[in-house]
Amino acid sequence: MVQRRDRLKKLVKVQEQLKALHETRHAGYVAQAVAADAEARDLTVSFDGDSAMPQLFPELYHQRISAALARRQLNLGLASVEASKVAAATARTNMVERAYRDARRRDERDSADRERLEIIERRSGEDK
């Protein structure tokens, strides 16, 4: 039983690391989506401004705005996928943690039962 408990303890650590990885990737994708959205907004403001550059190269500005919006959508989609992976990793982590706690309680209970049996055996040996 102790081996099972130790394996479960290690598995809990691995599951927590996996969950942290997915959370980090999710945060990165969200940050990239926000940055792409800000770039698109800045380009739109610049295009609508009084600068001569947007008037000289309007198609370049449109392409860059479209590319920034496409990156935003892509990153939001990837963030959504990672969010589902975080949820799955959380569920797996909780399940393994419950199994670990059960195994630990079972080991503690078995140890306490053995101690009680030893005490009973000592007492019955003393009575003879």
N, C-alpha and C. Protein backbone atom coordinates (compact mmCIF):
# COMPACT_ATOMS: atom_id res chain seq x y z
N MET A 1 0.81 -1.20 0.00
CA MET A 1 0.00 0.00 0.00
C MET A 1 0.86 1.27 0.00
N VAL A 2 1.99 1.21 0.69
CA VAL A 2 2.86 2.39 0.76
C VAL A 2 3.38 2.74 -0.63
N GLN A 3 3.68 1.71 -1.44
CA GLN A 3 4.16 1.96 -2.80
C GLN A 3 3.09 2.68 -3.62
N ARG A 4 1.86 2.25 -3.47
CA ARG A 4 0.76 2.89 -4.21
C ARG A 4 0.62 4.34 -3.78
N ARG A 5 0.70 4.57 -2.48
CA ARG A 5 0.59 5.94 -1.97
C ARG A 5 1.71 6.81 -2.53
N ASP A 6 2.92 6.28 -2.55
CA ASP A 6 4.06 7.05 -3.07
C ASP A 6 3.91 7.33 -4.56
N ARG A 7 3.43 6.35 -5.31
CA ARG A 7 3.20 6.56 -6.74
C ARG A 7 2.12 7.62 -6.96
N LEU A 8 1.07 7.56 -6.18
CA LEU A 8 0.01 8.56 -6.30
C LEU A 8 0.51 9.95 -5.95
N LYS A 9 1.37 10.03 -4.94
CA LYS A 9 1.93 11.32 -4.54
C LYS A 9 2.74 11.93 -5.69
N LYS A 10 3.54 11.09 -6.35
CA LYS A 10 4.32 11.56 -7.49
C LYS A 10 3.40 11.96 -8.65
N LEU A 11 2.35 11.18 -8.84
CA LEU A 11 1.40 11.48 -9.91
C LEU A 11 0.68 12.80 -9.66
N VAL A 12 0.38 13.10 -8.41
CA VAL A 12 -0.25 14.38 -8.07
C VAL A 12 0.68 15.52 -8.47
N LYS A 13 1.98 15.38 -8.19
CA LYS A 13 2.94 16.43 -8.55
C LYS A 13 3.00 16.61 -10.07
N VAL A 14 3.02 15.50 -10.79
CA VAL A 14 3.07 15.58 -12.25
C VAL A 14 1.81 16.24 -12.80
N GLN A 15 0.65 15.87 -12.26
CA GLN A 15 -0.61 16.47 -12.72
C GLN A 15 -0.64 17.97 -12.43
N GLU A 16 -0.12 18.37 -11.27
CA GLU A 16 -0.08 19.80 -10.94
C GLU A 16 0.84 20.55 -11.89
N GLN A 17 1.96 19.94 -12.26
CA GLN A 17 2.87 20.58 -13.22
C GLN A 17 2.22 20.70 -14.59
N LEU A 18 1.52 19.66 -15.00
CA LEU A 18 0.82 19.69 -16.29
C LEU A 18 -0.26 20.77 -16.30
N LYS A 19 -0.97 20.88 -15.20
CA LYS A 19 -2.00 21.91 -15.07
C LYS A 19 -1.36 23.31 -15.15
N ALA A 20 -0.24 23.48 -14.46
CA ALA A 20 0.45 24.78 -14.49
C ALA A 20 0.94 25.11 -15.90
N LEU A 21 1.39 24.10 -16.64
CA LEU A 21 1.83 24.31 -18.02
C LEU A 21 0.67 24.82 -18.87
N HIS A 22 -0.48 24.18 -18.76
CA HIS A 22 -1.63 24.61 -19.55
C HIS A 22 -2.11 26.00 -19.13
N GLU A 23 -2.06 26.30 -17.84
CA GLU A 23 -2.45 27.64 -17.38
C GLU A 23 -1.51 28.69 -17.94
N THR A 24 -0.22 28.39 -17.97
CA THR A 24 0.77 29.33 -18.50
C THR A 24 0.56 29.55 -19.99
N ARG A 25 0.33 28.46 -20.72
CA ARG A 25 0.09 28.59 -22.16
C ARG A 25 -1.19 29.38 -22.42
N HIS A 26 -2.23 29.14 -21.63
CA HIS A 26 -3.48 29.89 -21.77
C HIS A 26 -3.23 31.38 -21.58
N ALA A 27 -2.50 31.72 -20.53
CA ALA A 27 -2.21 33.13 -20.25
C ALA A 27 -1.39 33.75 -21.38
N GLY A 28 -0.47 32.99 -21.93
CA GLY A 28 0.33 33.50 -23.04
C GLY A 28 -0.51 33.80 -24.26
N TYR A 29 -1.41 32.88 -24.59
CA TYR A 29 -2.29 33.10 -25.75
C TYR A 29 -3.21 34.30 -25.53
N VAL A 30 -3.72 34.45 -24.33
CA VAL A 30 -4.58 35.60 -24.05
C VAL A 30 -3.78 36.90 -24.17
N ALA A 31 -2.56 36.89 -23.67
CA ALA A 31 -1.71 38.08 -23.76
C ALA A 31 -1.40 38.42 -25.22
N GLN A 32 -1.14 37.39 -26.03
CA GLN A 32 -0.87 37.63 -27.45
C GLN A 32 -2.11 38.16 -28.17
N ALA A 33 -3.27 37.67 -27.78
CA ALA A 33 -4.52 38.16 -28.38
C ALA A 33 -4.75 39.63 -28.03
N VAL A 34 -4.48 39.98 -26.79
CA VAL A 34 -4.63 41.37 -26.35
C VAL A 34 -3.65 42.26 -27.10
N ALA A 35 -2.41 41.79 -27.26
CA ALA A 35 -1.40 42.58 -27.98
C ALA A 35 -1.81 42.77 -29.44
N ALA A 36 -2.32 41.74 -30.08
CA ALA A 36 -2.75 41.85 -31.48
C ALA A 36 -3.93 42.81 -31.60
N ASP A 37 -4.84 42.75 -30.63
CA ASP A 37 -5.98 43.67 -30.64
C ASP A 37 -5.51 45.11 -30.48
N ALA A 38 -4.56 45.33 -29.60
CA ALA A 38 -4.02 46.68 -29.39
C ALA A 38 -3.32 47.17 -30.65
N GLU A 39 -2.59 46.28 -31.32
CA GLU A 39 -1.92 46.66 -32.57
C GLU A 39 -2.95 47.05 -33.62
N ALA A 40 -4.01 46.28 -33.74
CA ALA A 40 -5.06 46.59 -34.73
C ALA A 40 -5.70 47.94 -34.41
N ARG A 41 -5.95 48.18 -33.12
CA ARG A 41 -6.55 49.46 -32.74
C ARG A 41 -5.60 50.62 -33.05
N ASP A 42 -4.32 50.46 -32.73
CA ASP A 42 -3.34 51.52 -33.00
C ASP A 42 -3.23 51.80 -34.50
N LEU A 43 -3.21 50.74 -35.29
CA LEU A 43 -3.14 50.93 -36.74
C LEU A 43 -4.39 51.63 -37.27
N THR A 44 -5.54 51.29 -36.71
CA THR A 44 -6.80 51.92 -37.14
C THR A 44 -6.79 53.41 -36.78
N VAL A 45 -6.34 53.72 -35.58
CA VAL A 45 -6.26 55.13 -35.16
C VAL A 45 -5.28 55.88 -36.05
N SER A 46 -4.15 55.25 -36.34
CA SER A 46 -3.14 55.87 -37.20
C SER A 46 -3.68 56.08 -38.61
N PHE A 47 -4.43 55.08 -39.10
CA PHE A 47 -5.00 55.17 -40.45
C PHE A 47 -6.01 56.31 -40.53
N ASP A 48 -6.78 56.48 -39.46
CA ASP A 48 -7.81 57.53 -39.45
C ASP A 48 -7.23 58.91 -39.13
N GLY A 49 -5.97 58.95 -38.74
CA GLY A 49 -5.35 60.22 -38.36
C GLY A 49 -4.97 61.07 -39.56
N ASP A 50 -4.22 62.13 -39.26
CA ASP A 50 -3.83 63.09 -40.29
C ASP A 50 -2.48 62.78 -40.92
N SER A 51 -1.89 61.64 -40.60
CA SER A 51 -0.57 61.29 -41.12
C SER A 51 -0.65 61.00 -42.62
N ALA A 52 0.44 61.27 -43.31
CA ALA A 52 0.48 61.08 -44.77
C ALA A 52 0.73 59.62 -45.14
N MET A 53 1.37 58.87 -44.24
CA MET A 53 1.73 57.47 -44.55
C MET A 53 0.50 56.61 -44.87
N PRO A 54 -0.54 56.66 -44.07
CA PRO A 54 -1.70 55.83 -44.41
C PRO A 54 -2.33 56.21 -45.75
N GLN A 55 -2.22 57.47 -46.11
CA GLN A 55 -2.79 57.91 -47.38
C GLN A 55 -1.95 57.41 -48.56
N LEU A 56 -0.64 57.24 -48.32
CA LEU A 56 0.24 56.75 -49.39
C LEU A 56 0.14 55.23 -49.56
N PHE A 57 -0.05 54.53 -48.44
CA PHE A 57 -0.07 53.06 -48.47
C PHE A 57 -1.31 52.49 -47.77
N PRO A 58 -2.50 52.79 -48.25
CA PRO A 58 -3.70 52.34 -47.55
C PRO A 58 -3.84 50.82 -47.53
N GLU A 59 -3.45 50.14 -48.65
CA GLU A 59 -3.59 48.68 -48.68
C GLU A 59 -2.65 48.01 -47.68
N LEU A 60 -1.48 48.60 -47.46
CA LEU A 60 -0.55 48.06 -46.46
C LEU A 60 -1.16 48.14 -45.05
N TYR A 61 -1.78 49.26 -44.75
CA TYR A 61 -2.43 49.42 -43.45
C TYR A 61 -3.58 48.42 -43.30
N HIS A 62 -4.36 48.25 -44.35
CA HIS A 62 -5.48 47.30 -44.30
C HIS A 62 -4.96 45.88 -44.08
N GLN A 63 -3.87 45.53 -44.77
CA GLN A 63 -3.29 44.19 -44.61
C GLN A 63 -2.80 43.98 -43.18
N ARG A 64 -2.13 44.98 -42.64
CA ARG A 64 -1.59 44.84 -41.28
C ARG A 64 -2.72 44.77 -40.24
N ILE A 65 -3.77 45.56 -40.45
CA ILE A 65 -4.92 45.51 -39.54
C ILE A 65 -5.59 44.15 -39.62
N SER A 66 -5.77 43.65 -40.84
CA SER A 66 -6.39 42.32 -41.03
C SER A 66 -5.53 41.23 -40.40
N ALA A 67 -4.22 41.32 -40.59
CA ALA A 67 -3.31 40.32 -40.01
C ALA A 67 -3.37 40.36 -38.48
N ALA A 68 -3.42 41.55 -37.90
CA ALA A 68 -3.49 41.67 -36.44
C ALA A 68 -4.80 41.09 -35.91
N LEU A 69 -5.90 41.36 -36.61
CA LEU A 69 -7.19 40.80 -36.19
C LEU A 69 -7.22 39.28 -36.35
N ALA A 70 -6.58 38.77 -37.40
CA ALA A 70 -6.50 37.31 -37.59
C ALA A 70 -5.67 36.67 -36.47
N ARG A 71 -4.54 37.31 -36.10
CA ARG A 71 -3.72 36.81 -34.99
C ARG A 71 -4.52 36.82 -33.69
N ARG A 72 -5.31 37.85 -33.51
CA ARG A 72 -6.15 37.94 -32.30
C ARG A 72 -7.10 36.76 -32.25
N GLN A 73 -7.79 36.50 -33.35
CA GLN A 73 -8.75 35.38 -33.39
C GLN A 73 -8.05 34.05 -33.19
N LEU A 74 -6.91 33.86 -33.83
CA LEU A 74 -6.16 32.62 -33.69
C LEU A 74 -5.76 32.40 -32.23
N ASN A 75 -5.23 33.43 -31.60
CA ASN A 75 -4.79 33.31 -30.21
C ASN A 75 -5.96 33.09 -29.26
N LEU A 76 -7.09 33.71 -29.54
CA LEU A 76 -8.27 33.46 -28.71
C LEU A 76 -8.74 32.02 -28.85
N GLY A 77 -8.67 31.49 -30.06
CA GLY A 77 -9.02 30.08 -30.27
C GLY A 77 -8.07 29.15 -29.53
N LEU A 78 -6.77 29.43 -29.62
CA LEU A 78 -5.78 28.62 -28.92
C LEU A 78 -5.96 28.73 -27.40
N ALA A 79 -6.31 29.93 -26.94
CA ALA A 79 -6.55 30.12 -25.50
C ALA A 79 -7.76 29.30 -25.06
N SER A 80 -8.76 29.23 -25.90
CA SER A 80 -9.94 28.44 -25.58
C SER A 80 -9.59 26.95 -25.47
N VAL A 81 -8.78 26.47 -26.39
CA VAL A 81 -8.34 25.07 -26.35
C VAL A 81 -7.56 24.80 -25.06
N GLU A 82 -6.66 25.72 -24.72
CA GLU A 82 -5.87 25.55 -23.49
C GLU A 82 -6.76 25.62 -22.25
N ALA A 83 -7.80 26.44 -22.30
CA ALA A 83 -8.72 26.52 -21.15
C ALA A 83 -9.40 25.18 -20.94
N SER A 84 -9.76 24.50 -22.03
CA SER A 84 -10.38 23.18 -21.87
C SER A 84 -9.37 22.17 -21.34
N LYS A 85 -8.10 22.32 -21.74
CA LYS A 85 -7.05 21.44 -21.22
C LYS A 85 -6.80 21.70 -19.73
N VAL A 86 -6.91 22.97 -19.33
CA VAL A 86 -6.77 23.30 -17.90
C VAL A 86 -7.89 22.64 -17.11
N ALA A 87 -9.10 22.69 -17.64
CA ALA A 87 -10.24 22.08 -16.95
C ALA A 87 -10.05 20.57 -16.83
N ALA A 88 -9.59 19.94 -17.89
CA ALA A 88 -9.35 18.49 -17.86
C ALA A 88 -8.23 18.15 -16.88
N ALA A 89 -7.16 18.94 -16.90
CA ALA A 89 -6.04 18.70 -15.98
C ALA A 89 -6.47 18.91 -14.53
N THR A 90 -7.33 19.88 -14.30
CA THR A 90 -7.83 20.12 -12.95
C THR A 90 -8.65 18.93 -12.48
N ALA A 91 -9.50 18.42 -13.34
CA ALA A 91 -10.31 17.25 -12.97
C ALA A 91 -9.43 16.04 -12.69
N ARG A 92 -8.42 15.82 -13.54
CA ARG A 92 -7.51 14.69 -13.30
C ARG A 92 -6.74 14.88 -12.00
N THR A 93 -6.28 16.09 -11.76
CA THR A 93 -5.52 16.36 -10.53
C THR A 93 -6.39 16.11 -9.31
N ASN A 94 -7.61 16.58 -9.35
CA ASN A 94 -8.52 16.36 -8.21
C ASN A 94 -8.78 14.88 -7.98
N MET A 95 -8.95 14.13 -9.06
CA MET A 95 -9.20 12.69 -8.95
C MET A 95 -7.99 11.98 -8.33
N VAL A 96 -6.79 12.32 -8.80
CA VAL A 96 -5.58 11.69 -8.27
C VAL A 96 -5.36 12.10 -6.82
N GLU A 97 -5.63 13.36 -6.48
CA GLU A 97 -5.49 13.80 -5.09
C GLU A 97 -6.44 13.03 -4.17
N ARG A 98 -7.66 12.80 -4.62
CA ARG A 98 -8.61 12.02 -3.81
C ARG A 98 -8.09 10.60 -3.61
N ALA A 99 -7.59 9.99 -4.67
CA ALA A 99 -7.05 8.64 -4.56
C ALA A 99 -5.85 8.61 -3.62
N TYR A 100 -5.00 9.64 -3.69
CA TYR A 100 -3.84 9.72 -2.80
C TYR A 100 -4.29 9.86 -1.34
N ARG A 101 -5.25 10.74 -1.09
CA ARG A 101 -5.74 10.91 0.29
C ARG A 101 -6.36 9.61 0.82
N ASP A 102 -7.11 8.92 -0.03
CA ASP A 102 -7.70 7.64 0.38
C ASP A 102 -6.62 6.62 0.70
N ALA A 103 -5.60 6.54 -0.14
CA ALA A 103 -4.51 5.59 0.10
C ALA A 103 -3.76 5.94 1.38
N ARG A 104 -3.54 7.23 1.61
CA ARG A 104 -2.85 7.66 2.83
C ARG A 104 -3.68 7.32 4.07
N ARG A 105 -4.98 7.58 4.01
CA ARG A 105 -5.85 7.23 5.14
C ARG A 105 -5.86 5.73 5.39
N ARG A 106 -5.92 4.95 4.31
CA ARG A 106 -5.94 3.49 4.42
C ARG A 106 -4.64 3.01 5.07
N ASP A 107 -3.50 3.58 4.66
CA ASP A 107 -2.22 3.21 5.26
C ASP A 107 -2.18 3.57 6.74
N GLU A 108 -2.68 4.74 7.08
CA GLU A 108 -2.71 5.17 8.49
C GLU A 108 -3.61 4.25 9.30
N ARG A 109 -4.75 3.89 8.73
CA ARG A 109 -5.68 3.00 9.41
C ARG A 109 -5.05 1.61 9.61
N ASP A 110 -4.39 1.10 8.57
CA ASP A 110 -3.73 -0.20 8.69
C ASP A 110 -2.63 -0.16 9.74
N SER A 111 -1.89 0.91 9.77
CA SER A 111 -0.82 1.05 10.76
C SER A 111 -1.39 1.10 12.17
N ALA A 112 -2.47 1.84 12.35
CA ALA A 112 -3.11 1.92 13.67
C ALA A 112 -3.67 0.56 14.08
N ASP A 113 -4.25 -0.18 13.13
CA ASP A 113 -4.76 -1.52 13.42
C ASP A 113 -3.63 -2.45 13.85
N ARG A 114 -2.50 -2.38 13.16
CA ARG A 114 -1.35 -3.21 13.53
C ARG A 114 -0.86 -2.88 14.93
N GLU A 115 -0.80 -1.58 15.25
CA GLU A 115 -0.37 -1.18 16.59
C GLU A 115 -1.33 -1.71 17.65
N ARG A 116 -2.62 -1.61 17.40
CA ARG A 116 -3.60 -2.14 18.35
C ARG A 116 -3.44 -3.64 18.52
N LEU A 117 -3.22 -4.36 17.44
CA LEU A 117 -3.03 -5.81 17.52
C LEU A 117 -1.78 -6.15 18.33
N GLU A 118 -0.72 -5.39 18.13
CA GLU A 118 0.50 -5.63 18.91
C GLU A 118 0.26 -5.39 20.39
N ILE A 119 -0.47 -4.34 20.72
CA ILE A 119 -0.78 -4.05 22.13
C ILE A 119 -1.62 -5.18 22.72
N ILE A 120 -2.61 -5.64 21.97
CA ILE A 120 -3.47 -6.75 22.44
C ILE A 120 -2.63 -8.01 22.63
N GLU A 121 -1.73 -8.31 21.68
CA GLU A 121 -0.90 -9.49 21.80
C GLU A 121 0.03 -9.40 23.00
N ARG A 122 0.59 -8.21 23.26
CA ARG A 122 1.47 -8.03 24.43
C ARG A 122 0.69 -8.24 25.72
N ARG A 123 -0.51 -7.68 25.77
CA ARG A 123 -1.33 -7.82 26.98
C ARG A 123 -1.72 -9.28 27.21
N SER A 124 -2.11 -9.96 26.10
CA SER A 124 -2.49 -11.36 26.27
C SER A 124 -1.29 -12.21 26.64
N GLY A 125 -0.08 -11.81 26.21
CA GLY A 125 1.14 -12.53 26.59
C GLY A 125 1.48 -12.30 28.05
N GLU A 126 1.19 -11.12 28.57
CA GLU A 126 1.46 -10.79 29.96
C GLU A 126 0.50 -11.49 30.89
N ASP A 127 -0.73 -11.73 30.45
CA ASP A 127 -1.75 -12.38 31.28
C ASP A 127 -1.44 -13.85 31.49
N LYS A 128 -0.68 -14.45 30.66
CA LYS A 128 -0.42 -15.90 30.76
C LYS A 128 0.58 -16.21 31.77
